[in-house]
Protein backbone atom coordinates (compact mmCIF):
# COMPACT_ATOMS: atom_id res chain seq x y z
CA MET A 1 88.57 89.59 174.56
CA THR A 2 87.62 88.54 171.58
CA LYS A 3 85.12 91.02 169.77
CA ILE A 4 82.05 89.36 168.19
CA ASN A 5 82.44 89.81 163.78
CA VAL A 6 79.59 90.49 162.53
CA SER A 7 77.51 90.68 159.35
CA VAL A 8 74.11 92.53 158.69
CA THR A 9 72.52 91.64 155.42
CA GLY A 10 69.57 93.94 154.38
CA ALA A 11 72.45 96.33 155.39
CA ASP A 12 70.11 100.09 154.29
CA GLY A 13 66.82 99.36 155.37
CA ARG A 14 65.39 100.35 157.68
CA MET A 15 66.37 97.95 160.02
CA GLY A 16 69.59 97.53 158.42
CA ARG A 17 70.81 100.32 159.55
CA GLN A 18 68.95 101.00 163.11
CA ILE A 19 71.40 97.13 163.36
CA ILE A 20 74.52 98.94 162.50
CA SER A 21 74.04 101.30 164.52
CA GLY A 22 74.10 99.31 167.00
CA VAL A 23 77.01 97.03 166.68
CA LEU A 24 79.50 100.41 165.87
CA ALA A 25 78.41 101.54 169.49
CA ASN A 26 78.63 97.68 171.04
CA GLU A 27 81.91 97.62 172.60
CA GLU A 28 81.93 93.69 171.87
CA MET A 29 81.17 93.79 168.53
CA THR A 30 82.97 94.60 165.23
CA LEU A 31 81.14 95.39 161.85
CA CYS A 32 82.37 92.66 159.28
CA ARG A 33 80.53 93.28 156.61
CA ALA A 34 77.44 95.02 155.34
CA LEU A 35 75.78 93.38 152.69
CA GLU A 36 72.53 94.89 150.25
CA LYS A 37 71.37 93.36 146.86
CA GLN A 38 73.32 93.74 144.06
CA GLY A 39 72.68 97.36 142.07
CA HIS A 40 72.10 98.87 145.33
CA PRO A 41 73.49 102.19 144.63
CA LYS A 42 75.58 101.88 148.02
CA ILE A 43 77.32 99.04 146.81
CA GLY A 44 81.56 100.57 147.35
CA LEU A 45 80.30 102.69 149.73
CA SER A 46 82.17 103.33 153.02
CA VAL A 47 79.67 103.15 155.82
CA PRO A 48 79.81 105.62 158.16
CA GLY A 49 81.70 105.44 161.62
CA SER A 50 83.63 101.66 160.08
CA SER A 51 86.24 100.47 157.95
CA ALA A 52 83.19 97.76 156.67
CA ILE A 53 82.85 98.92 152.96
CA PHE A 54 78.63 97.94 151.30
CA ASP A 55 79.09 94.91 149.66
CA PHE A 56 75.98 92.20 147.68
CA VAL A 57 75.95 88.28 148.39
CA ASP A 58 77.14 86.86 144.67
CA THR A 59 74.96 84.59 143.54
CA LYS A 60 77.55 81.89 142.46
CA GLU A 61 77.31 78.29 143.61
CA HIS A 62 82.10 79.03 144.48
CA GLU A 63 81.09 82.91 146.81
CA PHE A 64 80.82 80.90 150.12
CA VAL A 65 83.51 83.07 151.83
CA THR A 66 81.39 85.57 152.04
CA PHE A 67 80.82 85.06 155.59
CA ALA A 68 84.25 83.38 156.45
CA LEU A 69 84.85 85.94 158.85
CA SER A 70 81.66 86.87 160.12
CA ASN A 71 81.01 85.05 164.18
CA VAL A 72 77.18 85.71 163.08
CA ILE A 73 74.92 87.07 160.32
CA ILE A 74 71.94 89.59 161.41
CA ASP A 75 69.68 89.14 158.57
CA PHE A 76 66.37 91.20 157.54
CA THR A 77 65.75 90.82 153.91
CA GLU A 78 63.03 88.93 152.37
CA PRO A 79 62.40 84.75 152.10
CA THR A 80 64.37 84.36 149.78
CA VAL A 81 67.29 85.87 149.74
CA ALA A 82 67.44 85.01 153.76
CA MET A 83 67.28 80.83 152.17
CA THR A 84 70.75 81.85 150.09
CA ILE A 85 72.22 83.77 153.27
CA ILE A 86 71.12 80.55 155.58
CA LYS A 87 73.20 78.47 152.60
CA ARG A 88 75.85 80.33 152.57
CA ALA A 89 76.47 80.74 156.50
CA CYS A 90 76.13 76.86 156.67
CA LYS A 91 79.43 76.84 154.19
CA SER A 92 81.09 78.72 157.01
CA SER A 93 79.76 77.69 159.47
CA THR A 94 78.36 81.14 160.77
CA ALA A 95 75.62 81.52 163.12
CA VAL A 96 72.78 83.29 161.73
CA VAL A 97 70.50 86.04 163.63
CA THR A 98 67.13 86.38 160.83
CA GLY A 99 64.32 88.34 161.63
CA THR A 100 62.88 87.49 157.87
CA THR A 101 59.14 87.16 158.07
CA GLY A 102 57.13 85.52 155.73
CA PHE A 103 58.07 81.91 154.77
CA THR A 104 56.63 79.59 153.26
CA ALA A 105 56.31 76.23 154.90
CA GLU A 106 58.76 75.09 152.39
CA HIS A 107 61.56 77.50 153.28
CA LEU A 108 60.63 76.72 156.61
CA GLU A 109 61.23 72.74 157.05
CA GLN A 110 64.72 73.31 154.53
CA ILE A 111 65.52 75.63 157.42
CA LEU A 112 65.37 72.96 160.43
CA GLU A 113 67.63 70.92 157.50
CA TYR A 114 70.46 73.84 157.83
CA ALA A 115 70.30 74.11 161.57
CA LYS A 116 70.78 70.94 161.66
CA ILE A 117 74.54 72.43 160.89
CA ILE A 118 74.81 75.75 161.80
CA PRO A 119 73.09 77.21 164.89
CA ILE A 120 70.13 79.37 164.20
CA LEU A 121 68.02 82.21 165.66
CA PRO A 122 64.37 82.95 163.59
CA SER A 123 62.24 85.58 165.09
CA SER A 124 59.77 87.55 163.59
CA ASN A 125 59.88 90.08 166.29
CA PHE A 126 63.00 91.21 169.15
CA SER A 127 61.52 92.60 171.61
CA ILE A 128 62.18 91.59 174.78
CA GLY A 129 58.71 92.29 175.51
CA VAL A 130 56.68 90.87 173.37
CA THR A 131 58.72 87.39 173.96
CA ARG A 132 56.99 87.62 177.38
CA LEU A 133 53.79 89.14 175.72
CA LEU A 134 54.21 85.86 174.06
CA ASN A 135 53.78 83.30 176.94
CA THR A 136 51.37 85.45 178.62
CA ILE A 137 48.87 84.74 176.06
CA SER A 138 49.73 81.04 176.58
CA GLN A 139 48.51 80.58 179.92
CA TYR A 140 45.43 83.35 178.79
CA ALA A 141 44.46 80.85 176.01
CA ALA A 142 44.61 78.18 177.77
CA ASP A 143 40.79 79.28 179.03
CA GLN A 144 38.01 78.31 176.35
CA GLY A 145 35.70 80.74 177.82
CA TYR A 146 37.35 83.59 175.76
CA GLN A 147 36.49 83.80 172.28
CA ILE A 148 39.91 85.72 170.80
CA GLU A 149 40.79 88.50 167.97
CA ILE A 150 44.14 89.59 167.28
CA VAL A 151 44.67 92.97 165.90
CA GLU A 152 47.88 94.35 163.96
CA THR A 153 48.67 97.41 162.38
CA HIS A 154 52.09 98.41 160.47
CA HIS A 155 53.58 100.69 158.75
CA ASN A 156 52.56 101.14 154.75
CA GLU A 157 54.77 98.98 153.66
CA LYS A 158 55.48 96.54 154.67
CA ALA A 159 55.54 93.34 152.59
CA ASP A 160 53.11 90.44 153.96
CA SER A 161 49.79 90.72 156.05
CA PRO A 162 49.50 89.93 158.61
CA SER A 163 52.32 90.35 160.33
CA GLY A 164 55.05 87.31 162.05
CA THR A 165 54.43 88.01 164.86
CA ALA A 166 50.35 88.32 164.49
CA ILE A 167 50.75 84.81 164.04
CA LYS A 168 52.84 84.02 166.64
CA MET A 169 50.36 85.19 168.62
CA ALA A 170 47.95 82.89 166.76
CA GLU A 171 50.01 80.43 167.50
CA ALA A 172 50.52 80.74 170.45
CA ALA A 173 47.01 80.87 171.66
CA ALA A 174 46.04 78.34 169.01
CA LYS A 175 48.32 75.43 170.72
CA SER A 176 47.39 76.42 174.19
CA ARG A 177 43.98 75.11 173.39
CA GLY A 178 45.19 71.94 171.73
CA ARG A 179 44.38 72.90 167.62
CA ASN A 180 46.64 73.52 164.60
CA LEU A 181 45.84 77.92 163.25
CA GLU A 182 45.53 76.91 159.71
CA ASP A 183 41.89 74.89 161.32
CA VAL A 184 40.64 78.18 163.15
CA ALA A 185 42.38 80.95 161.41
CA VAL A 186 40.22 83.73 160.38
CA TYR A 187 41.49 86.45 158.00
CA VAL A 188 38.75 87.87 156.90
CA ARG A 189 35.29 88.93 157.43
CA HIS A 190 33.08 90.08 154.54
CA GLY A 191 28.94 90.26 153.93
CA ARG A 192 27.32 87.60 155.61
CA THR A 193 29.95 85.83 157.10
CA GLY A 194 27.21 84.16 160.06
CA LYS A 195 27.24 84.00 163.96
CA ARG A 196 31.58 83.95 164.81
CA THR A 197 32.36 80.25 165.78
CA GLU A 198 33.66 79.38 169.56
CA ASP A 199 36.97 78.22 167.95
CA GLU A 200 37.61 81.16 165.77
CA ILE A 201 40.69 82.76 166.01
CA GLY A 202 40.40 86.58 164.12
CA ILE A 203 43.57 88.17 162.99
CA GLN A 204 43.10 91.83 161.36
CA ALA A 205 46.14 93.55 159.46
CA LEU A 206 45.75 97.36 159.82
CA ARG A 207 48.66 99.09 156.90
CA MET A 208 49.10 102.88 157.76
CA MET A 209 51.93 105.26 157.32
CA GLY A 210 54.10 106.61 160.96
CA VAL A 211 53.61 103.79 161.98
CA VAL A 212 56.23 101.24 163.87
CA GLY A 213 54.26 98.42 164.93
CA LYS A 214 51.33 98.36 166.87
CA HIS A 215 49.95 94.33 167.83
CA SER A 216 46.58 93.79 170.08
CA ILE A 217 45.33 90.37 171.24
CA PHE A 218 41.63 90.68 172.92
CA PHE A 219 40.39 88.02 175.37
CA ALA A 220 36.44 88.32 175.60
CA SER A 221 33.74 85.95 177.87
CA PRO A 222 30.22 87.53 178.76
CA GLY A 223 31.27 89.61 181.27
CA GLU A 224 34.50 90.92 180.42
CA ILE A 225 37.59 91.17 177.97
CA ILE A 226 41.04 91.58 178.52
CA GLU A 227 43.61 93.89 176.02
CA PHE A 228 46.91 93.00 175.63
CA SER A 229 49.14 95.70 173.06
CA HIS A 230 52.10 95.67 172.53
CA THR A 231 53.71 99.50 170.20
CA ALA A 232 56.89 100.10 169.25
CA ILE A 233 58.27 103.69 169.50
CA SER A 234 61.16 103.13 167.32
CA ARG A 235 62.27 99.61 165.48
CA GLU A 236 65.44 100.59 168.26
CA VAL A 237 63.81 97.76 170.77
CA PHE A 238 64.55 95.61 168.07
CA ALA A 239 67.76 96.36 166.92
CA GLN A 240 68.04 95.48 170.83
CA GLY A 241 66.77 92.54 171.32
CA ALA A 242 68.92 91.21 167.65
CA LEU A 243 72.58 92.36 169.29
CA LYS A 244 71.11 90.70 172.43
CA ALA A 245 70.47 87.47 170.45
CA VAL A 246 74.41 88.17 169.19
CA GLU A 247 75.74 87.75 172.20
CA TRP A 248 74.30 84.38 173.49
CA ILE A 249 74.28 82.85 170.31
CA VAL A 250 78.35 82.61 170.06
CA GLY A 251 79.61 78.93 170.27
CA LYS A 252 76.12 77.89 170.66
CA PRO A 253 75.66 74.83 168.75
CA PRO A 254 73.51 73.46 165.51
CA GLY A 255 69.45 74.19 166.61
CA ILE A 256 67.19 76.52 165.99
CA TYR A 257 66.57 78.86 168.82
CA SER A 258 64.73 81.26 170.24
CA MET A 259 64.18 84.79 172.19
CA ASN A 260 63.35 82.33 175.23
CA ASP A 261 66.07 80.84 175.00
CA VAL A 262 67.75 84.12 175.23
CA LEU A 263 65.42 85.54 177.75
CA GLY A 264 66.24 81.82 179.77
CA LEU A 265 62.52 81.65 179.44
CA LYS A 266 62.86 77.45 178.84
């Protein structure tokens, strides 16, 4: 059986280390490259348990061969780095699975263009449980009788707020009601805000030490409150989902894919 050659960007980050551990434990995968930002202290050192060394993505335009030996890149970095990674992947026809969040509208438009060249699977959350929860949200939100509030909690070092997953939850709810999220989202309540409107979707973010990630959504009517929550106990659940996406995306034609595709939910 031919193994899947995997490159991991953001290799020494929280998720990068978890992903690499999963790749090394998977008999069907080989760690091809472990990439970090230029100047990182581990550059040039061996990745424990692997023949790979920590390297960096050169920003010079001619250095496009970085991913030539990789079947799939798993990216957990930040938006500007991720865009460089995806652009390079196009030059070597390498699939990309990215968990980077915080992309701008312009970034997303460019990703759609890159997806005409290679298969790309972007996801704010690779948890299989969260993927199924998003589908449940769509079903409940279609009932206009409920007011919707979302609360997400993450560790104190998370850079973007609200989380990408919270935004996805809100987007799923808004779409089910035929609304654009930007028209109904309320991110901050302070002072005399007045009566809550029926259409608004509240999204609140908490940041504190010791939390991997928790997302809760509330559907409230005059007689009841329905609450769905997902709590990540460790980052391993995200790594498992990302590796499942890697196995699935190999050999797929260019396009934008999702965890729904991986799980056969649509």
